[in-house]
């Protein structure tokens, strides 16, 4: 069962060790990605409140925004 719902505000912290340039701060859950058989974790489309680009993030890369 997904931890977050469309419209929730979260903080994004990518698990990758590769330095990625992305705005810090709040991200809005845009939608839940379709679950694939090879996928062991829920994925979401997220959008920073500071820019107009959507990203895909796994559930373990997200935390509730404070």
PDB file of N, CA and C in Angstrom:
ATOM      1  N   UNK A   1       0.848  -1.181   0.000  1.00  0.00           N
ATOM      2  CA  UNK A   1       0.000   0.000   0.000  1.00  0.00           C
ATOM      3  C   UNK A   1       0.896   1.247   0.000  1.00  0.00           C
ATOM      4  N   UNK A   2       0.630   2.206  -0.861  1.00  0.00           N
ATOM      5  CA  UNK A   2       1.449   3.417  -0.941  1.00  0.00           C
ATOM      6  C   UNK A   2       1.413   4.227   0.356  1.00  0.00           C
ATOM      7  N   UNK A   3       2.544   4.809   0.693  1.00  0.00           N
ATOM      8  CA  UNK A   3       2.675   5.613   1.914  1.00  0.00           C
ATOM      9  C   UNK A   3       2.145   7.026   1.708  1.00  0.00           C
ATOM     10  N   UNK A   4       2.252   7.534   0.465  1.00  0.00           N
ATOM     11  CA  UNK A   4       1.855   8.909   0.161  1.00  0.00           C
ATOM     12  C   UNK A   4       0.718   8.937  -0.851  1.00  0.00           C
ATOM     13  N   UNK A   5      -0.014  10.043  -0.848  1.00  0.00           N
ATOM     14  CA  UNK A   5      -1.125  10.226  -1.790  1.00  0.00           C
ATOM     15  C   UNK A   5      -0.871  11.450  -2.653  1.00  0.00           C
ATOM     16  N   UNK A   6      -1.546  11.503  -3.778  1.00  0.00           N
ATOM     17  CA  UNK A   6      -1.456  12.655  -4.666  1.00  0.00           C
ATOM     18  C   UNK A   6      -1.784  13.918  -3.874  1.00  0.00           C
ATOM     19  N   UNK A   7      -0.937  14.921  -4.029  1.00  0.00           N
ATOM     20  CA  UNK A   7      -1.135  16.185  -3.321  1.00  0.00           C
ATOM     21  C   UNK A   7      -0.316  16.310  -2.050  1.00  0.00           C
ATOM     22  N   UNK A   8       0.200  15.190  -1.515  1.00  0.00           N
ATOM     23  CA  UNK A   8       1.019  15.256  -0.304  1.00  0.00           C
ATOM     24  C   UNK A   8       2.300  16.040  -0.592  1.00  0.00           C
ATOM     25  N   UNK A   9       2.811  16.742   0.418  1.00  0.00           N
ATOM     26  CA  UNK A   9       4.067  17.477   0.313  1.00  0.00           C
ATOM     27  C   UNK A   9       5.136  16.662   1.032  1.00  0.00           C
ATOM     28  N   UNK A  10       6.255  16.411   0.338  1.00  0.00           N
ATOM     29  CA  UNK A  10       7.326  15.572   0.864  1.00  0.00           C
ATOM     30  C   UNK A  10       8.682  16.248   0.665  1.00  0.00           C
ATOM     31  N   UNK A  11       9.712  15.696   1.295  1.00  0.00           N
ATOM     32  CA  UNK A  11      11.100  16.090   1.066  1.00  0.00           C
ATOM     33  C   UNK A  11      11.750  14.973   0.273  1.00  0.00           C
ATOM     34  N   UNK A  12      12.514  15.334  -0.752  1.00  0.00           N
ATOM     35  CA  UNK A  12      13.150  14.366  -1.645  1.00  0.00           C
ATOM     36  C   UNK A  12      14.639  14.278  -1.340  1.00  0.00           C
ATOM     37  N   UNK A  13      15.137  13.076  -1.074  1.00  0.00           N
ATOM     38  CA  UNK A  13      16.564  12.827  -0.839  1.00  0.00           C
ATOM     39  C   UNK A  13      16.951  11.598  -1.644  1.00  0.00           C
ATOM     40  N   UNK A  14      17.472  11.776  -2.869  1.00  0.00           N
ATOM     41  CA  UNK A  14      17.796  10.636  -3.722  1.00  0.00           C
ATOM     42  C   UNK A  14      18.788   9.692  -3.062  1.00  0.00           C
ATOM     43  N   UNK A  15      18.594   8.405  -3.261  1.00  0.00           N
ATOM     44  CA  UNK A  15      19.458   7.385  -2.676  1.00  0.00           C
ATOM     45  C   UNK A  15      20.789   7.286  -3.403  1.00  0.00           C
ATOM     46  N   UNK A  16      20.853   7.743  -4.631  1.00  0.00           N
ATOM     47  CA  UNK A  16      22.059   7.640  -5.451  1.00  0.00           C
ATOM     48  C   UNK A  16      23.201   8.449  -4.856  1.00  0.00           C
ATOM     49  N   UNK A  17      24.408   7.896  -4.945  1.00  0.00           N
ATOM     50  CA  UNK A  17      25.586   8.621  -4.468  1.00  0.00           C
ATOM     51  C   UNK A  17      26.052   9.644  -5.493  1.00  0.00           C
ATOM     52  N   UNK A  18      25.541   9.548  -6.693  1.00  0.00           N
ATOM     53  CA  UNK A  18      25.905  10.504  -7.727  1.00  0.00           C
ATOM     54  C   UNK A  18      25.326  11.864  -7.346  1.00  0.00           C
ATOM     55  N   UNK A  19      26.145  12.907  -7.440  1.00  0.00           N
ATOM     56  CA  UNK A  19      25.637  14.242  -7.115  1.00  0.00           C
ATOM     57  C   UNK A  19      24.608  14.660  -8.143  1.00  0.00           C
ATOM     58  N   UNK A  20      23.449  14.934  -7.670  1.00  0.00           N
ATOM     59  CA  UNK A  20      22.384  15.387  -8.552  1.00  0.00           C
ATOM     60  C   UNK A  20      22.037  16.815  -8.160  1.00  0.00           C
ATOM     61  N   UNK A  21      21.778  17.607  -9.162  1.00  0.00           N
ATOM     62  CA  UNK A  21      21.360  18.980  -8.877  1.00  0.00           C
ATOM     63  C   UNK A  21      19.843  19.020  -8.908  1.00  0.00           C
ATOM     64  N   UNK A  22      19.282  19.236  -7.770  1.00  0.00           N
ATOM     65  CA  UNK A  22      17.840  19.372  -7.663  1.00  0.00           C
ATOM     66  C   UNK A  22      17.568  20.354  -6.538  1.00  0.00           C
ATOM     67  N   UNK A  23      16.491  21.101  -6.629  1.00  0.00           N
ATOM     68  CA  UNK A  23      16.192  22.062  -5.575  1.00  0.00           C
ATOM     69  C   UNK A  23      15.845  21.363  -4.260  1.00  0.00           C
ATOM     70  N   UNK A  24      16.403  21.856  -3.186  1.00  0.00           N
ATOM     71  CA  UNK A  24      16.058  21.344  -1.866  1.00  0.00           C
ATOM     72  C   UNK A  24      14.682  21.879  -1.484  1.00  0.00           C
ATOM     73  N   UNK A  25      14.073  21.251  -0.526  1.00  0.00           N
ATOM     74  CA  UNK A  25      12.798  21.744  -0.026  1.00  0.00           C
ATOM     75  C   UNK A  25      11.636  20.854  -0.386  1.00  0.00           C
ATOM     76  N   UNK A  26      10.497  21.463  -0.496  1.00  0.00           N
ATOM     77  CA  UNK A  26       9.241  20.742  -0.645  1.00  0.00           C
ATOM     78  C   UNK A  26       9.004  20.257  -2.078  1.00  0.00           C
ATOM     79  N   UNK A  27       8.457  19.057  -2.169  1.00  0.00           N
ATOM     80  CA  UNK A  27       8.014  18.469  -3.435  1.00  0.00           C
ATOM     81  C   UNK A  27       6.575  18.002  -3.245  1.00  0.00           C
ATOM     82  N   UNK A  28       5.797  18.135  -4.280  1.00  0.00           N
ATOM     83  CA  UNK A  28       4.401  17.688  -4.239  1.00  0.00           C
ATOM     84  C   UNK A  28       4.287  16.371  -4.989  1.00  0.00           C
ATOM     85  N   UNK A  29       3.548  15.419  -4.412  1.00  0.00           N
ATOM     86  CA  UNK A  29       3.280  14.154  -5.096  1.00  0.00           C
ATOM     87  C   UNK A  29       2.278  14.456  -6.206  1.00  0.00           C
ATOM     88  N   UNK A  30       2.693  14.228  -7.458  1.00  0.00           N
ATOM     89  CA  UNK A  30       1.843  14.490  -8.610  1.00  0.00           C
ATOM     90  C   UNK A  30       0.991  13.269  -8.919  1.00  0.00           C
ATOM     91  N   UNK A  31       1.616  12.084  -8.877  1.00  0.00           N
ATOM     92  CA  UNK A  31       0.870  10.858  -9.138  1.00  0.00           C
ATOM     93  C   UNK A  31       1.666   9.643  -8.685  1.00  0.00           C
ATOM     94  N   UNK A  32       0.979   8.556  -8.559  1.00  0.00           N
ATOM     95  CA  UNK A  32       1.581   7.267  -8.250  1.00  0.00           C
ATOM     96  C   UNK A  32       1.929   6.600  -9.569  1.00  0.00           C
ATOM     97  N   UNK A  33       3.134   6.074  -9.690  1.00  0.00           N
ATOM     98  CA  UNK A  33       3.553   5.407 -10.920  1.00  0.00           C
ATOM     99  C   UNK A  33       2.942   4.005 -10.973  1.00  0.00           C
ATOM    100  N   UNK A  34       2.650   3.512 -12.169  1.00  0.00           N
ATOM    101  CA  UNK A  34       2.140   2.141 -12.281  1.00  0.00           C
ATOM    102  C   UNK A  34       3.164   1.159 -11.721  1.00  0.00           C
ATOM    103  N   UNK A  35       2.692   0.175 -11.003  1.00  0.00           N
ATOM    104  CA  UNK A  35       3.578  -0.824 -10.394  1.00  0.00           C
ATOM    105  C   UNK A  35       3.928  -1.891 -11.422  1.00  0.00           C
ATOM    106  N   UNK A  36       5.217  -2.180 -11.550  1.00  0.00           N
ATOM    107  CA  UNK A  36       5.674  -3.214 -12.474  1.00  0.00           C
ATOM    108  C   UNK A  36       6.119  -4.433 -11.672  1.00  0.00           C
ATOM    109  N   UNK A  37       6.030  -5.615 -12.282  1.00  0.00           N
ATOM    110  CA  UNK A  37       6.405  -6.846 -11.591  1.00  0.00           C
ATOM    111  C   UNK A  37       7.851  -6.825 -11.117  1.00  0.00           C
ATOM    112  N   UNK A  38       8.746  -6.208 -11.881  1.00  0.00           N
ATOM    113  CA  UNK A  38      10.159  -6.163 -11.521  1.00  0.00           C
ATOM    114  C   UNK A  38      10.458  -5.122 -10.443  1.00  0.00           C
ATOM    115  N   UNK A  39       9.484  -4.321 -10.142  1.00  0.00           N
ATOM    116  CA  UNK A  39       9.656  -3.227  -9.183  1.00  0.00           C
ATOM    117  C   UNK A  39       9.269  -3.711  -7.791  1.00  0.00           C
ATOM    118  N   UNK A  40      10.173  -3.542  -6.832  1.00  0.00           N
ATOM    119  CA  UNK A  40       9.875  -3.988  -5.475  1.00  0.00           C
ATOM    120  C   UNK A  40       9.416  -2.860  -4.565  1.00  0.00           C
ATOM    121  N   UNK A  41       9.379  -1.657  -5.106  1.00  0.00           N
ATOM    122  CA  UNK A  41       9.012  -0.506  -4.294  1.00  0.00           C
ATOM    123  C   UNK A  41       8.104   0.451  -5.073  1.00  0.00           C
ATOM    124  N   UNK A  42       7.235   1.123  -4.346  1.00  0.00           N
ATOM    125  CA  UNK A  42       6.336   2.099  -4.945  1.00  0.00           C
ATOM    126  C   UNK A  42       7.138   3.304  -5.443  1.00  0.00           C
ATOM    127  N   UNK A  43       6.778   3.813  -6.610  1.00  0.00           N
ATOM    128  CA  UNK A  43       7.421   5.003  -7.166  1.00  0.00           C
ATOM    129  C   UNK A  43       6.362   6.077  -7.413  1.00  0.00           C
ATOM    130  N   UNK A  44       6.799   7.314  -7.346  1.00  0.00           N
ATOM    131  CA  UNK A  44       5.902   8.460  -7.482  1.00  0.00           C
ATOM    132  C   UNK A  44       6.470   9.455  -8.483  1.00  0.00           C
ATOM    133  N   UNK A  45       5.591  10.214  -9.115  1.00  0.00           N
ATOM    134  CA  UNK A  45       5.989  11.397  -9.874  1.00  0.00           C
ATOM    135  C   UNK A  45       5.892  12.541  -8.883  1.00  0.00           C
ATOM    136  N   UNK A  46       6.974  13.310  -8.783  1.00  0.00           N
ATOM    137  CA  UNK A  46       7.008  14.435  -7.849  1.00  0.00           C
ATOM    138  C   UNK A  46       7.400  15.697  -8.598  1.00  0.00           C
ATOM    139  N   UNK A  47       7.015  16.834  -8.054  1.00  0.00           N
ATOM    140  CA  UNK A  47       7.342  18.126  -8.659  1.00  0.00           C
ATOM    141  C   UNK A  47       7.736  19.079  -7.545  1.00  0.00           C
ATOM    142  N   UNK A  48       8.896  19.712  -7.725  1.00  0.00           N
ATOM    143  CA  UNK A  48       9.358  20.706  -6.755  1.00  0.00           C
ATOM    144  C   UNK A  48       8.424  21.907  -6.797  1.00  0.00           C
ATOM    145  N   UNK A  49       8.198  22.489  -5.641  1.00  0.00           N
ATOM    146  CA  UNK A  49       7.388  23.707  -5.623  1.00  0.00           C
ATOM    147  C   UNK A  49       8.207  24.884  -6.152  1.00  0.00           C
ATOM    148  N   UNK A  50       9.551  24.688  -6.323  1.00  0.00           N
ATOM    149  CA  UNK A  50      10.425  25.759  -6.771  1.00  0.00           C
ATOM    150  C   UNK A  50      10.735  25.722  -8.267  1.00  0.00           C
ATOM    151  N   UNK A  51      10.339  24.658  -8.963  1.00  0.00           N
ATOM    152  CA  UNK A  51      10.616  24.579 -10.396  1.00  0.00           C
ATOM    153  C   UNK A  51       9.486  23.861 -11.111  1.00  0.00           C
ATOM    154  N   UNK A  52       9.558  23.826 -12.421  1.00  0.00           N
ATOM    155  CA  UNK A  52       8.470  23.281 -13.217  1.00  0.00           C
ATOM    156  C   UNK A  52       8.818  21.928 -13.847  1.00  0.00           C
ATOM    157  N   UNK A  53       9.681  21.148 -13.193  1.00  0.00           N
ATOM    158  CA  UNK A  53      10.130  19.869 -13.721  1.00  0.00           C
ATOM    159  C   UNK A  53       9.625  18.744 -12.824  1.00  0.00           C
ATOM    160  N   UNK A  54       9.124  17.694 -13.435  1.00  0.00           N
ATOM    161  CA  UNK A  54       8.706  16.523 -12.667  1.00  0.00           C
ATOM    162  C   UNK A  54       9.830  15.505 -12.641  1.00  0.00           C
ATOM    163  N   UNK A  55       9.909  14.774 -11.544  1.00  0.00           N
ATOM    164  CA  UNK A  55      10.885  13.707 -11.381  1.00  0.00           C
ATOM    165  C   UNK A  55      10.163  12.453 -10.921  1.00  0.00           C
ATOM    166  N   UNK A  56      10.862  11.322 -11.016  1.00  0.00           N
ATOM    167  CA  UNK A  56      10.342  10.069 -10.476  1.00  0.00           C
ATOM    168  C   UNK A  56      11.184   9.732  -9.252  1.00  0.00           C
ATOM    169  N   UNK A  57      10.537   9.386  -8.159  1.00  0.00           N
ATOM    170  CA  UNK A  57      11.238   9.047  -6.923  1.00  0.00           C
ATOM    171  C   UNK A  57      10.660   7.789  -6.313  1.00  0.00           C
ATOM    172  N   UNK A  58      11.516   6.972  -5.752  1.00  0.00           N
ATOM    173  CA  UNK A  58      11.065   5.782  -5.033  1.00  0.00           C
ATOM    174  C   UNK A  58      10.629   6.201  -3.635  1.00  0.00           C
ATOM    175  N   UNK A  59       9.770   5.388  -3.053  1.00  0.00           N
ATOM    176  CA  UNK A  59       9.211   5.718  -1.747  1.00  0.00           C
ATOM    177  C   UNK A  59      10.291   5.917  -0.687  1.00  0.00           C
ATOM    178  N   UNK A  60      11.383   5.139  -0.749  1.00  0.00           N
ATOM    179  CA  UNK A  60      12.428   5.269   0.278  1.00  0.00           C
ATOM    180  C   UNK A  60      13.264   6.533   0.121  1.00  0.00           C
ATOM    181  N   UNK A  61      13.067   7.290  -0.966  1.00  0.00           N
ATOM    182  CA  UNK A  61      13.763   8.556  -1.174  1.00  0.00           C
ATOM    183  C   UNK A  61      12.940   9.751  -0.704  1.00  0.00           C
ATOM    184  N   UNK A  62      11.770   9.479  -0.156  1.00  0.00           N
ATOM    185  CA  UNK A  62      10.845  10.537   0.266  1.00  0.00           C
ATOM    186  C   UNK A  62      10.613  10.478   1.776  1.00  0.00           C
ATOM    187  N   UNK A  63      10.365  11.644   2.349  1.00  0.00           N
ATOM    188  CA  UNK A  63      10.016  11.742   3.769  1.00  0.00           C
ATOM    189  C   UNK A  63       8.974  12.838   3.898  1.00  0.00           C
ATOM    190  N   UNK A  64       8.137  12.770   4.932  1.00  0.00           N
ATOM    191  CA  UNK A  64       7.163  13.854   5.131  1.00  0.00           C
ATOM    192  C   UNK A  64       7.892  15.190   5.288  1.00  0.00           C
ATOM    193  N   UNK A  65       7.381  16.221   4.637  1.00  0.00           N
ATOM    194  CA  UNK A  65       7.995  17.549   4.712  1.00  0.00           C
ATOM    195  C   UNK A  65       7.571  18.247   5.982  1.00  0.00           C
ATOM    196  N   UNK A  66       8.530  18.807   6.668  1.00  0.00           N
ATOM    197  CA  UNK A  66       8.210  19.504   7.936  1.00  0.00           C
ATOM    198  C   UNK A  66       8.243  20.989   7.768  1.00  0.00           C
TER     199      UNK A  66
END
